[in-house]
Structures are given as structure tokens and as C-alpha cells.
Amino acid sequence: MNIAARIVARKIVLTYFYEKMIADYLVSNDHMLEEIKNISLPTSVLSQKEEDATPQVKSSLSAQFSAKEFDEDITYIVKNSFEKHVESGIDFEYIQTVGKTYDQYKDDIAAGVNKFATSFKYEDMDLIDRVIFLLGYAEYRSLKTPKEIVMNEMVELAKKYWDDGTPKLVNGILHKVIAELDEKEKK
């Protein structure tokens, strides 16, 4: 495994999960949808995704995803944020495996965080914190990445993308959620 390619893939899936979580948030908050209706966009953003995707990015991703698993949002994210990494390496297996688990694990991680957090609920957390929890949980569950590696990587992402308290929060609570999962699987 190319570690640099895995790190880039992890950032792509982090971005993808963040985008999906924002969409979920908007759908669950009607007042936000009303505000969005008031914003004037010159052309459809979705139609731009297809037009903007370079052939190299699109072919690299299409080769990794079957037709029904392939997601234009991933292409858009790679094209607009990570295109310089296509030639040097992106772990597309990671994207394919972890990227499609958003809906599968979002409720599980929310329940786990709510069980172990004493002064707040998962729903009260900032979106990026929720995404980091979900990404770590999804990677652990779907790829069976060793717990120590997942914890270290999620703490590093928390340090990079959020405030001073988030790494401790991620380390403490995600560790408990994964430990409980390990105990359940032993039985």
C-alpha cells in the first residue's frame, strides 16, 4: 500500500462525506432550503460537474468504480481539489470501499458518540467533527484498518481541520466506540 496515496484518498472521502453531511443538514432544516432558493446560480452546478471533469480524472475513477458505484461527486472533488495527485497516486480502492459507506454507518457512529459523550450529543457537534468520527468508524469497519492507525489518522485530521479540543475528543470517544465494537465482535 502506498501511504501517500492512502492519505490523499482519505482526504477525498473526508471531503465527500462532508459534502453529503451538509446536504443531509440542509434537507433536515427547511429554513436553509428557503435561503438556498434565494441564491441565483448562473448554470446548474450538476451539469458543470460533467463538463469540467478532465478525461484523465474521469477515466482513472471510472476504471475503479463499476457503473452503479461510480459517483460524479467523487470525480468533481478529485478534479477540483486533488487533480494534481492523479498521476502520483490516489488509493482508489480506499475511495471505492470507504466512500460508499456514508449511509451505512452514519447512524451507528451517531449512536456510539451519543453513548460515550457526556456533555453533548452527536447532533450538536460541528459538521467536520461528525465527518471525522464517521470517516474513522467507516474505515475501521470497512477496511479493518488497525485501530491504532485509524485513531492516529483521525487525530491528525482533527488537528489539521479543527480546533484544539477536537483531537482529544476524537481520540477519547472514537476509541471507546471502536473498543465496544471489538467487544461485540468477540462474542
N, C-alpha and C. Protein backbone atom coordinates (compact mmCIF):
# COMPACT_ATOMS: atom_id res chain seq x y z
N MET A 1 0.84 -1.19 0.00
CA MET A 1 0.00 0.00 0.00
C MET A 1 0.88 1.25 0.00
N ASN A 2 0.54 2.16 -0.85
CA ASN A 2 1.22 3.44 -0.92
C ASN A 2 0.58 4.38 0.12
N ILE A 3 1.34 4.72 1.14
CA ILE A 3 0.80 5.52 2.25
C ILE A 3 0.37 6.91 1.77
N ALA A 4 1.15 7.54 0.92
CA ALA A 4 0.79 8.87 0.41
C ALA A 4 -0.52 8.81 -0.38
N ALA A 5 -0.70 7.76 -1.19
CA ALA A 5 -1.94 7.60 -1.96
C ALA A 5 -3.13 7.37 -1.03
N ARG A 6 -2.91 6.65 0.07
CA ARG A 6 -3.98 6.41 1.04
C ARG A 6 -4.38 7.72 1.74
N ILE A 7 -3.40 8.54 2.07
CA ILE A 7 -3.69 9.82 2.73
C ILE A 7 -4.51 10.72 1.81
N VAL A 8 -4.15 10.76 0.54
CA VAL A 8 -4.91 11.57 -0.42
C VAL A 8 -6.33 11.03 -0.53
N ALA A 9 -6.48 9.72 -0.63
CA ALA A 9 -7.81 9.11 -0.72
C ALA A 9 -8.64 9.41 0.53
N ARG A 10 -8.00 9.39 1.68
CA ARG A 10 -8.71 9.69 2.94
C ARG A 10 -9.24 11.12 2.91
N LYS A 11 -8.45 12.04 2.39
CA LYS A 11 -8.90 13.44 2.30
C LYS A 11 -10.05 13.58 1.30
N ILE A 12 -10.00 12.83 0.22
CA ILE A 12 -11.08 12.87 -0.76
C ILE A 12 -12.38 12.37 -0.13
N VAL A 13 -12.31 11.26 0.58
CA VAL A 13 -13.52 10.72 1.21
C VAL A 13 -13.99 11.64 2.33
N LEU A 14 -13.07 12.26 3.05
CA LEU A 14 -13.45 13.24 4.07
C LEU A 14 -14.25 14.37 3.42
N THR A 15 -13.77 14.87 2.29
CA THR A 15 -14.47 15.93 1.57
C THR A 15 -15.83 15.46 1.09
N TYR A 16 -15.88 14.26 0.57
CA TYR A 16 -17.13 13.67 0.07
C TYR A 16 -18.14 13.51 1.21
N PHE A 17 -17.71 12.96 2.34
CA PHE A 17 -18.61 12.80 3.49
C PHE A 17 -19.09 14.16 3.99
N TYR A 18 -18.21 15.14 3.98
CA TYR A 18 -18.59 16.49 4.43
C TYR A 18 -19.67 17.05 3.51
N GLU A 19 -19.49 16.87 2.22
CA GLU A 19 -20.50 17.33 1.26
C GLU A 19 -21.84 16.65 1.51
N LYS A 20 -21.81 15.34 1.73
CA LYS A 20 -23.05 14.60 1.97
C LYS A 20 -23.69 15.02 3.30
N MET A 21 -22.88 15.29 4.31
CA MET A 21 -23.42 15.70 5.60
C MET A 21 -24.06 17.08 5.51
N ILE A 22 -23.46 17.97 4.74
CA ILE A 22 -24.06 19.29 4.53
C ILE A 22 -25.40 19.13 3.83
N ALA A 23 -25.45 18.27 2.82
CA ALA A 23 -26.72 18.03 2.11
C ALA A 23 -27.77 17.48 3.06
N ASP A 24 -27.40 16.53 3.91
CA ASP A 24 -28.34 15.99 4.91
C ASP A 24 -28.82 17.09 5.84
N TYR A 25 -27.91 17.95 6.25
CA TYR A 25 -28.26 19.05 7.15
C TYR A 25 -29.25 20.00 6.49
N LEU A 26 -28.99 20.32 5.24
CA LEU A 26 -29.87 21.24 4.52
C LEU A 26 -31.27 20.65 4.35
N VAL A 27 -31.32 19.38 4.04
CA VAL A 27 -32.61 18.72 3.85
C VAL A 27 -33.41 18.68 5.16
N SER A 28 -32.71 18.51 6.27
CA SER A 28 -33.41 18.41 7.55
C SER A 28 -33.72 19.78 8.16
N ASN A 29 -33.28 20.84 7.55
CA ASN A 29 -33.54 22.19 8.04
C ASN A 29 -34.19 23.00 6.93
N ASP A 30 -35.52 22.99 6.91
CA ASP A 30 -36.27 23.64 5.83
C ASP A 30 -35.89 25.10 5.62
N HIS A 31 -35.58 25.80 6.71
CA HIS A 31 -35.25 27.22 6.55
C HIS A 31 -33.99 27.40 5.70
N MET A 32 -33.09 26.44 5.75
CA MET A 32 -31.88 26.52 4.93
C MET A 32 -32.22 26.36 3.45
N LEU A 33 -33.16 25.48 3.15
CA LEU A 33 -33.56 25.29 1.76
C LEU A 33 -34.19 26.55 1.19
N GLU A 34 -34.94 27.25 2.01
CA GLU A 34 -35.54 28.51 1.56
C GLU A 34 -34.45 29.54 1.25
N GLU A 35 -33.41 29.58 2.06
CA GLU A 35 -32.30 30.51 1.81
C GLU A 35 -31.59 30.17 0.50
N ILE A 36 -31.40 28.89 0.25
CA ILE A 36 -30.72 28.45 -0.97
C ILE A 36 -31.52 28.84 -2.20
N LYS A 37 -32.85 28.74 -2.11
CA LYS A 37 -33.70 29.13 -3.24
C LYS A 37 -33.49 30.58 -3.63
N ASN A 38 -33.08 31.40 -2.68
CA ASN A 38 -32.88 32.82 -2.94
C ASN A 38 -31.53 33.12 -3.60
N ILE A 39 -30.67 32.13 -3.68
CA ILE A 39 -29.35 32.30 -4.30
C ILE A 39 -29.50 32.03 -5.79
N SER A 40 -28.98 32.91 -6.60
CA SER A 40 -29.08 32.75 -8.05
C SER A 40 -27.78 32.14 -8.58
N LEU A 41 -27.89 30.97 -9.20
CA LEU A 41 -26.74 30.33 -9.82
C LEU A 41 -26.90 30.42 -11.33
N PRO A 42 -25.84 30.82 -12.05
CA PRO A 42 -25.96 31.03 -13.50
C PRO A 42 -26.29 29.76 -14.28
N THR A 43 -25.66 28.64 -13.95
CA THR A 43 -25.95 27.37 -14.62
C THR A 43 -26.00 26.29 -13.57
N SER A 44 -26.54 25.18 -13.93
CA SER A 44 -26.65 24.07 -13.00
C SER A 44 -25.27 23.59 -12.58
N VAL A 45 -25.04 23.50 -11.30
CA VAL A 45 -23.77 23.01 -10.78
C VAL A 45 -23.58 21.55 -11.18
N LEU A 46 -24.66 20.78 -11.18
CA LEU A 46 -24.54 19.38 -11.55
C LEU A 46 -24.12 19.21 -13.01
N SER A 47 -24.62 20.05 -13.90
CA SER A 47 -24.20 19.92 -15.29
C SER A 47 -22.75 20.34 -15.46
N GLN A 48 -22.26 21.25 -14.63
CA GLN A 48 -20.86 21.66 -14.69
C GLN A 48 -19.94 20.51 -14.31
N LYS A 49 -20.37 19.66 -13.38
CA LYS A 49 -19.52 18.56 -12.94
C LYS A 49 -19.11 17.69 -14.13
N GLU A 50 -20.05 17.35 -14.98
CA GLU A 50 -19.75 16.51 -16.13
C GLU A 50 -18.83 17.24 -17.11
N GLU A 51 -19.08 18.49 -17.37
CA GLU A 51 -18.30 19.25 -18.33
C GLU A 51 -16.89 19.52 -17.84
N ASP A 52 -16.72 19.73 -16.54
CA ASP A 52 -15.41 20.10 -16.00
C ASP A 52 -14.47 18.92 -15.79
N ALA A 53 -15.00 17.72 -15.66
CA ALA A 53 -14.16 16.57 -15.36
C ALA A 53 -13.20 16.30 -16.51
N THR A 54 -11.93 16.32 -16.22
CA THR A 54 -10.95 16.05 -17.27
C THR A 54 -11.01 14.58 -17.63
N PRO A 55 -10.66 14.25 -18.86
CA PRO A 55 -10.69 12.84 -19.27
C PRO A 55 -9.80 11.95 -18.39
N GLN A 56 -8.65 12.47 -17.98
CA GLN A 56 -7.74 11.67 -17.17
C GLN A 56 -8.36 11.32 -15.82
N VAL A 57 -8.96 12.30 -15.14
CA VAL A 57 -9.59 12.04 -13.85
C VAL A 57 -10.77 11.09 -14.03
N LYS A 58 -11.60 11.38 -15.00
CA LYS A 58 -12.78 10.56 -15.23
C LYS A 58 -12.41 9.12 -15.56
N SER A 59 -11.41 8.91 -16.41
CA SER A 59 -11.03 7.55 -16.77
C SER A 59 -10.39 6.82 -15.59
N SER A 60 -9.60 7.52 -14.79
CA SER A 60 -8.99 6.90 -13.61
C SER A 60 -10.06 6.42 -12.64
N LEU A 61 -11.06 7.26 -12.41
CA LEU A 61 -12.13 6.89 -11.48
C LEU A 61 -13.05 5.84 -12.08
N SER A 62 -13.40 5.98 -13.34
CA SER A 62 -14.29 5.01 -13.98
C SER A 62 -13.68 3.61 -13.98
N ALA A 63 -12.38 3.53 -14.12
CA ALA A 63 -11.71 2.24 -14.12
C ALA A 63 -11.81 1.57 -12.75
N GLN A 64 -11.96 2.36 -11.70
CA GLN A 64 -12.00 1.82 -10.35
C GLN A 64 -13.42 1.51 -9.87
N PHE A 65 -14.41 2.19 -10.40
CA PHE A 65 -15.78 2.04 -9.94
C PHE A 65 -16.61 1.37 -11.02
N SER A 66 -17.46 0.42 -10.61
CA SER A 66 -18.41 -0.12 -11.58
C SER A 66 -19.43 0.98 -11.87
N ALA A 67 -20.18 0.82 -12.92
CA ALA A 67 -21.11 1.88 -13.35
C ALA A 67 -22.07 2.29 -12.25
N LYS A 68 -22.62 1.36 -11.51
CA LYS A 68 -23.60 1.76 -10.50
C LYS A 68 -22.94 2.29 -9.22
N GLU A 69 -21.67 2.02 -9.01
CA GLU A 69 -20.99 2.54 -7.82
C GLU A 69 -20.31 3.87 -8.09
N PHE A 70 -20.06 4.18 -9.34
CA PHE A 70 -19.34 5.39 -9.70
C PHE A 70 -20.18 6.61 -9.35
N ASP A 71 -19.56 7.58 -8.77
CA ASP A 71 -20.27 8.75 -8.28
C ASP A 71 -19.62 10.01 -8.85
N GLU A 72 -20.40 10.79 -9.56
CA GLU A 72 -19.88 12.01 -10.17
C GLU A 72 -19.34 12.99 -9.13
N ASP A 73 -19.87 12.95 -7.90
CA ASP A 73 -19.38 13.84 -6.86
C ASP A 73 -17.91 13.56 -6.56
N ILE A 74 -17.53 12.29 -6.57
CA ILE A 74 -16.13 11.94 -6.33
C ILE A 74 -15.26 12.52 -7.46
N THR A 75 -15.71 12.38 -8.70
CA THR A 75 -14.96 12.95 -9.82
C THR A 75 -14.78 14.45 -9.64
N TYR A 76 -15.84 15.11 -9.28
CA TYR A 76 -15.81 16.56 -9.11
C TYR A 76 -14.81 16.95 -8.01
N ILE A 77 -14.84 16.24 -6.91
CA ILE A 77 -13.92 16.52 -5.79
C ILE A 77 -12.48 16.31 -6.23
N VAL A 78 -12.21 15.20 -6.91
CA VAL A 78 -10.84 14.94 -7.37
C VAL A 78 -10.41 16.01 -8.35
N LYS A 79 -11.27 16.32 -9.30
CA LYS A 79 -10.93 17.29 -10.34
C LYS A 79 -10.62 18.66 -9.76
N ASN A 80 -11.43 19.10 -8.82
CA ASN A 80 -11.31 20.47 -8.33
C ASN A 80 -10.44 20.63 -7.09
N SER A 81 -10.09 19.55 -6.45
CA SER A 81 -9.29 19.69 -5.23
C SER A 81 -8.05 18.81 -5.19
N PHE A 82 -8.06 17.70 -5.92
CA PHE A 82 -6.97 16.73 -5.78
C PHE A 82 -6.39 16.28 -7.11
N GLU A 83 -6.68 16.98 -8.20
CA GLU A 83 -6.26 16.54 -9.53
C GLU A 83 -4.74 16.36 -9.64
N LYS A 84 -3.99 17.18 -8.93
CA LYS A 84 -2.53 17.07 -9.04
C LYS A 84 -2.01 15.73 -8.52
N HIS A 85 -2.85 14.99 -7.79
CA HIS A 85 -2.43 13.71 -7.23
C HIS A 85 -2.77 12.51 -8.11
N VAL A 86 -3.53 12.72 -9.19
CA VAL A 86 -3.95 11.59 -10.02
C VAL A 86 -2.75 10.82 -10.54
N GLU A 87 -1.76 11.51 -11.08
CA GLU A 87 -0.59 10.82 -11.63
C GLU A 87 0.31 10.26 -10.55
N SER A 88 0.46 10.96 -9.44
CA SER A 88 1.36 10.49 -8.38
C SER A 88 0.72 9.43 -7.50
N GLY A 89 -0.59 9.36 -7.48
CA GLY A 89 -1.24 8.28 -6.77
C GLY A 89 -2.37 8.67 -5.85
N ILE A 90 -3.48 8.00 -6.04
CA ILE A 90 -4.64 8.08 -5.17
C ILE A 90 -5.08 6.64 -4.95
N ASP A 91 -5.33 6.28 -3.72
CA ASP A 91 -5.78 4.93 -3.40
C ASP A 91 -7.27 4.81 -3.74
N PHE A 92 -7.56 4.42 -4.98
CA PHE A 92 -8.95 4.34 -5.43
C PHE A 92 -9.71 3.20 -4.76
N GLU A 93 -9.01 2.17 -4.32
CA GLU A 93 -9.67 1.09 -3.58
C GLU A 93 -10.26 1.64 -2.28
N TYR A 94 -9.51 2.50 -1.62
CA TYR A 94 -9.99 3.15 -0.39
C TYR A 94 -11.25 3.97 -0.69
N ILE A 95 -11.19 4.76 -1.76
CA ILE A 95 -12.34 5.59 -2.12
C ILE A 95 -13.55 4.72 -2.41
N GLN A 96 -13.36 3.66 -3.17
CA GLN A 96 -14.46 2.79 -3.54
C GLN A 96 -15.05 2.08 -2.31
N THR A 97 -14.21 1.63 -1.41
CA THR A 97 -14.68 0.87 -0.26
C THR A 97 -15.27 1.77 0.82
N VAL A 98 -14.53 2.79 1.23
CA VAL A 98 -14.98 3.64 2.33
C VAL A 98 -15.99 4.68 1.85
N GLY A 99 -15.80 5.19 0.66
CA GLY A 99 -16.65 6.26 0.15
C GLY A 99 -18.12 5.91 0.07
N LYS A 100 -18.42 4.65 -0.19
CA LYS A 100 -19.83 4.27 -0.33
C LYS A 100 -20.49 3.86 0.99
N THR A 101 -19.81 4.07 2.12
CA THR A 101 -20.36 3.63 3.41
C THR A 101 -21.05 4.74 4.21
N TYR A 102 -21.15 5.92 3.65
CA TYR A 102 -21.73 7.05 4.39
C TYR A 102 -23.08 6.69 5.01
N ASP A 103 -24.02 6.27 4.18
CA ASP A 103 -25.36 5.95 4.68
C ASP A 103 -25.35 4.71 5.58
N GLN A 104 -24.47 3.79 5.31
CA GLN A 104 -24.40 2.54 6.07
C GLN A 104 -24.00 2.78 7.53
N TYR A 105 -23.07 3.71 7.79
CA TYR A 105 -22.52 3.86 9.14
C TYR A 105 -22.88 5.15 9.86
N LYS A 106 -23.57 6.09 9.20
CA LYS A 106 -23.82 7.39 9.84
C LYS A 106 -24.66 7.26 11.11
N ASP A 107 -25.63 6.39 11.14
CA ASP A 107 -26.45 6.22 12.34
C ASP A 107 -25.69 5.48 13.44
N ASP A 108 -24.86 4.51 13.05
CA ASP A 108 -24.08 3.75 14.03
C ASP A 108 -23.11 4.66 14.79
N ILE A 109 -22.42 5.52 14.06
CA ILE A 109 -21.44 6.38 14.74
C ILE A 109 -22.16 7.42 15.59
N ALA A 110 -23.30 7.92 15.14
CA ALA A 110 -24.07 8.87 15.94
C ALA A 110 -24.48 8.22 17.26
N ALA A 111 -24.96 7.00 17.19
CA ALA A 111 -25.37 6.30 18.41
C ALA A 111 -24.17 6.05 19.32
N GLY A 112 -23.04 5.68 18.73
CA GLY A 112 -21.84 5.44 19.54
C GLY A 112 -21.33 6.69 20.23
N VAL A 113 -21.28 7.79 19.51
CA VAL A 113 -20.84 9.05 20.11
C VAL A 113 -21.82 9.46 21.21
N ASN A 114 -23.11 9.36 20.94
CA ASN A 114 -24.11 9.74 21.95
C ASN A 114 -24.01 8.88 23.20
N LYS A 115 -23.61 7.64 23.04
CA LYS A 115 -23.47 6.75 24.19
C LYS A 115 -22.30 7.17 25.09
N PHE A 116 -21.19 7.60 24.49
CA PHE A 116 -20.00 7.86 25.27
C PHE A 116 -19.74 9.34 25.57
N ALA A 117 -20.38 10.24 24.87
CA ALA A 117 -20.22 11.67 25.15
C ALA A 117 -21.12 12.03 26.32
N THR A 118 -20.58 12.74 27.28
CA THR A 118 -21.36 13.06 28.48
C THR A 118 -21.97 14.46 28.47
N SER A 119 -21.39 15.39 27.77
CA SER A 119 -21.87 16.77 27.87
C SER A 119 -22.48 17.31 26.57
N PHE A 120 -22.61 16.48 25.54
CA PHE A 120 -23.16 16.93 24.27
C PHE A 120 -23.68 15.73 23.51
N LYS A 121 -24.41 15.99 22.47
CA LYS A 121 -24.91 14.95 21.57
C LYS A 121 -24.20 15.08 20.22
N TYR A 122 -24.18 14.01 19.50
CA TYR A 122 -23.56 13.99 18.17
C TYR A 122 -24.14 15.08 17.29
N GLU A 123 -25.45 15.25 17.35
CA GLU A 123 -26.14 16.23 16.52
C GLU A 123 -25.73 17.67 16.86
N ASP A 124 -25.18 17.90 18.04
CA ASP A 124 -24.74 19.23 18.46
C ASP A 124 -23.32 19.55 18.02
N MET A 125 -22.60 18.55 17.55
CA MET A 125 -21.21 18.73 17.15
C MET A 125 -21.14 19.47 15.82
N ASP A 126 -20.01 20.14 15.57
CA ASP A 126 -19.77 20.74 14.27
C ASP A 126 -19.73 19.65 13.21
N LEU A 127 -20.09 20.00 12.00
CA LEU A 127 -20.14 19.01 10.93
C LEU A 127 -18.80 18.34 10.68
N ILE A 128 -17.71 19.09 10.71
CA ILE A 128 -16.41 18.48 10.43
C ILE A 128 -16.05 17.45 11.51
N ASP A 129 -16.43 17.72 12.76
CA ASP A 129 -16.18 16.74 13.82
C ASP A 129 -16.95 15.45 13.54
N ARG A 130 -18.21 15.59 13.14
CA ARG A 130 -19.03 14.41 12.82
C ARG A 130 -18.43 13.64 11.66
N VAL A 131 -17.95 14.35 10.67
CA VAL A 131 -17.37 13.70 9.50
C VAL A 131 -16.11 12.93 9.89
N ILE A 132 -15.29 13.49 10.73
CA ILE A 132 -14.06 12.80 11.17
C ILE A 132 -14.43 11.53 11.94
N PHE A 133 -15.41 11.60 12.82
CA PHE A 133 -15.86 10.40 13.52
C PHE A 133 -16.36 9.36 12.53
N LEU A 134 -17.19 9.78 11.60
CA LEU A 134 -17.76 8.85 10.62
C LEU A 134 -16.67 8.24 9.74
N LEU A 135 -15.74 9.05 9.29
CA LEU A 135 -14.66 8.53 8.44
C LEU A 135 -13.84 7.48 9.18
N GLY A 136 -13.46 7.77 10.41
CA GLY A 136 -12.68 6.80 11.18
C GLY A 136 -13.43 5.50 11.41
N TYR A 137 -14.69 5.62 11.78
CA TYR A 137 -15.52 4.45 12.02
C TYR A 137 -15.70 3.64 10.74
N ALA A 138 -15.98 4.34 9.64
CA ALA A 138 -16.20 3.66 8.36
C ALA A 138 -14.93 2.96 7.88
N GLU A 139 -13.78 3.61 8.05
CA GLU A 139 -12.53 2.97 7.63
C GLU A 139 -12.26 1.74 8.48
N TYR A 140 -12.47 1.85 9.77
CA TYR A 140 -12.23 0.72 10.66
C TYR A 140 -13.15 -0.45 10.30
N ARG A 141 -14.43 -0.15 10.08
CA ARG A 141 -15.40 -1.20 9.79
C ARG A 141 -15.20 -1.80 8.40
N SER A 142 -14.99 -0.97 7.40
CA SER A 142 -14.98 -1.49 6.04
C SER A 142 -13.63 -2.02 5.58
N LEU A 143 -12.54 -1.45 6.05
CA LEU A 143 -11.21 -1.90 5.63
C LEU A 143 -10.46 -2.69 6.69
N LYS A 144 -11.02 -2.70 7.89
CA LYS A 144 -10.35 -3.38 9.02
C LYS A 144 -8.95 -2.82 9.25
N THR A 145 -8.79 -1.51 9.02
CA THR A 145 -7.53 -0.84 9.33
C THR A 145 -7.30 -0.96 10.83
N PRO A 146 -6.09 -1.28 11.26
CA PRO A 146 -5.84 -1.41 12.70
C PRO A 146 -6.28 -0.16 13.47
N LYS A 147 -6.84 -0.40 14.64
CA LYS A 147 -7.41 0.67 15.46
C LYS A 147 -6.40 1.79 15.71
N GLU A 148 -5.16 1.45 15.99
CA GLU A 148 -4.14 2.46 16.30
C GLU A 148 -3.90 3.39 15.11
N ILE A 149 -3.92 2.82 13.91
CA ILE A 149 -3.71 3.63 12.71
C ILE A 149 -4.91 4.53 12.47
N VAL A 150 -6.11 3.98 12.58
CA VAL A 150 -7.31 4.80 12.40
C VAL A 150 -7.33 5.94 13.40
N MET A 151 -7.06 5.64 14.65
CA MET A 151 -7.09 6.67 15.69
C MET A 151 -6.06 7.76 15.38
N ASN A 152 -4.85 7.36 15.04
CA ASN A 152 -3.80 8.33 14.73
C ASN A 152 -4.19 9.21 13.55
N GLU A 153 -4.71 8.60 12.49
CA GLU A 153 -5.07 9.37 11.30
C GLU A 153 -6.22 10.33 11.57
N MET A 154 -7.20 9.90 12.35
CA MET A 154 -8.34 10.79 12.64
C MET A 154 -7.91 11.93 13.56
N VAL A 155 -7.02 11.66 14.50
CA VAL A 155 -6.48 12.72 15.36
C VAL A 155 -5.70 13.73 14.51
N GLU A 156 -4.92 13.24 13.56
CA GLU A 156 -4.18 14.14 12.68
C GLU A 156 -5.11 15.00 11.83
N LEU A 157 -6.18 14.39 11.32
CA LEU A 157 -7.16 15.17 10.56
C LEU A 157 -7.83 16.22 11.45
N ALA A 158 -8.14 15.82 12.67
CA ALA A 158 -8.77 16.77 13.61
C ALA A 158 -7.83 17.94 13.91
N LYS A 159 -6.55 17.65 14.07
CA LYS A 159 -5.57 18.73 14.30
C LYS A 159 -5.51 19.68 13.11
N LYS A 160 -5.58 19.10 11.93
CA LYS A 160 -5.43 19.90 10.72
C LYS A 160 -6.67 20.73 10.41
N TYR A 161 -7.85 20.17 10.65
CA TYR A 161 -9.06 20.82 10.19
C TYR A 161 -9.93 21.44 11.28
N TRP A 162 -9.57 21.31 12.54
CA TRP A 162 -10.44 21.90 13.55
C TRP A 162 -9.65 22.43 14.72
N ASP A 163 -10.33 22.69 15.82
CA ASP A 163 -9.72 23.39 16.95
C ASP A 163 -8.96 22.45 17.89
N ASP A 164 -8.39 23.04 18.92
CA ASP A 164 -7.51 22.29 19.84
C ASP A 164 -8.19 21.15 20.58
N GLY A 165 -9.47 21.28 20.88
CA GLY A 165 -10.17 20.26 21.66
C GLY A 165 -10.59 19.04 20.85
N THR A 166 -10.71 19.19 19.55
CA THR A 166 -11.22 18.11 18.72
C THR A 166 -10.33 16.86 18.72
N PRO A 167 -9.00 16.98 18.63
CA PRO A 167 -8.20 15.75 18.66
C PRO A 167 -8.42 14.92 19.93
N LYS A 168 -8.53 15.57 21.07
CA LYS A 168 -8.78 14.83 22.32
C LYS A 168 -10.16 14.18 22.29
N LEU A 169 -11.12 14.90 21.77
CA LEU A 169 -12.48 14.38 21.65
C LEU A 169 -12.51 13.15 20.75
N VAL A 170 -11.89 13.27 19.60
CA VAL A 170 -11.83 12.15 18.66
C VAL A 170 -11.10 10.98 19.29
N ASN A 171 -9.97 11.23 19.88
CA ASN A 171 -9.18 10.16 20.48
C ASN A 171 -9.97 9.44 21.58
N GLY A 172 -10.60 10.18 22.45
CA GLY A 172 -11.30 9.56 23.58
C GLY A 172 -12.57 8.83 23.18
N ILE A 173 -13.43 9.49 22.44
CA ILE A 173 -14.73 8.90 22.14
C ILE A 173 -14.64 7.86 21.03
N LEU A 174 -13.93 8.15 19.96
CA LEU A 174 -13.82 7.17 18.88
C LEU A 174 -13.14 5.89 19.38
N HIS A 175 -12.17 6.05 20.24
CA HIS A 175 -11.51 4.88 20.83
C HIS A 175 -12.52 4.01 21.57
N LYS A 176 -13.41 4.62 22.35
CA LYS A 176 -14.44 3.86 23.09
C LYS A 176 -15.43 3.19 22.15
N VAL A 177 -15.83 3.89 21.11
CA VAL A 177 -16.79 3.32 20.15
C VAL A 177 -16.18 2.09 19.47
N ILE A 178 -14.93 2.21 19.04
CA ILE A 178 -14.26 1.09 18.37
C ILE A 178 -14.01 -0.06 19.35
N ALA A 179 -13.62 0.27 20.57
CA ALA A 179 -13.40 -0.78 21.59
C ALA A 179 -14.68 -1.55 21.85
N GLU A 180 -15.80 -0.84 21.92
CA GLU A 180 -17.09 -1.53 22.14
C GLU A 180 -17.43 -2.42 20.95
N LEU A 181 -17.16 -1.95 19.74
CA LEU A 181 -17.40 -2.74 18.55
C LEU A 181 -16.55 -4.01 18.58
N ASP A 182 -15.29 -3.88 18.97
CA ASP A 182 -14.40 -5.05 19.09
C ASP A 182 -14.95 -6.07 20.08
N GLU A 183 -15.46 -5.58 21.20
CA GLU A 183 -16.04 -6.49 22.22
C GLU A 183 -17.26 -7.22 21.67
N LYS A 184 -18.12 -6.54 20.94
CA LYS A 184 -19.30 -7.16 20.34
C LYS A 184 -18.90 -8.23 19.34
N GLU A 185 -17.86 -7.95 18.57
CA GLU A 185 -17.43 -8.92 17.54
C GLU A 185 -16.76 -10.14 18.15
N LYS A 186 -16.20 -10.03 19.34
CA LYS A 186 -15.57 -11.17 20.01
C LYS A 186 -16.61 -12.16 20.50
N LYS A 187 -17.81 -11.67 20.79
CA LYS A 187 -18.86 -12.54 21.36
C LYS A 187 -19.49 -13.42 20.34
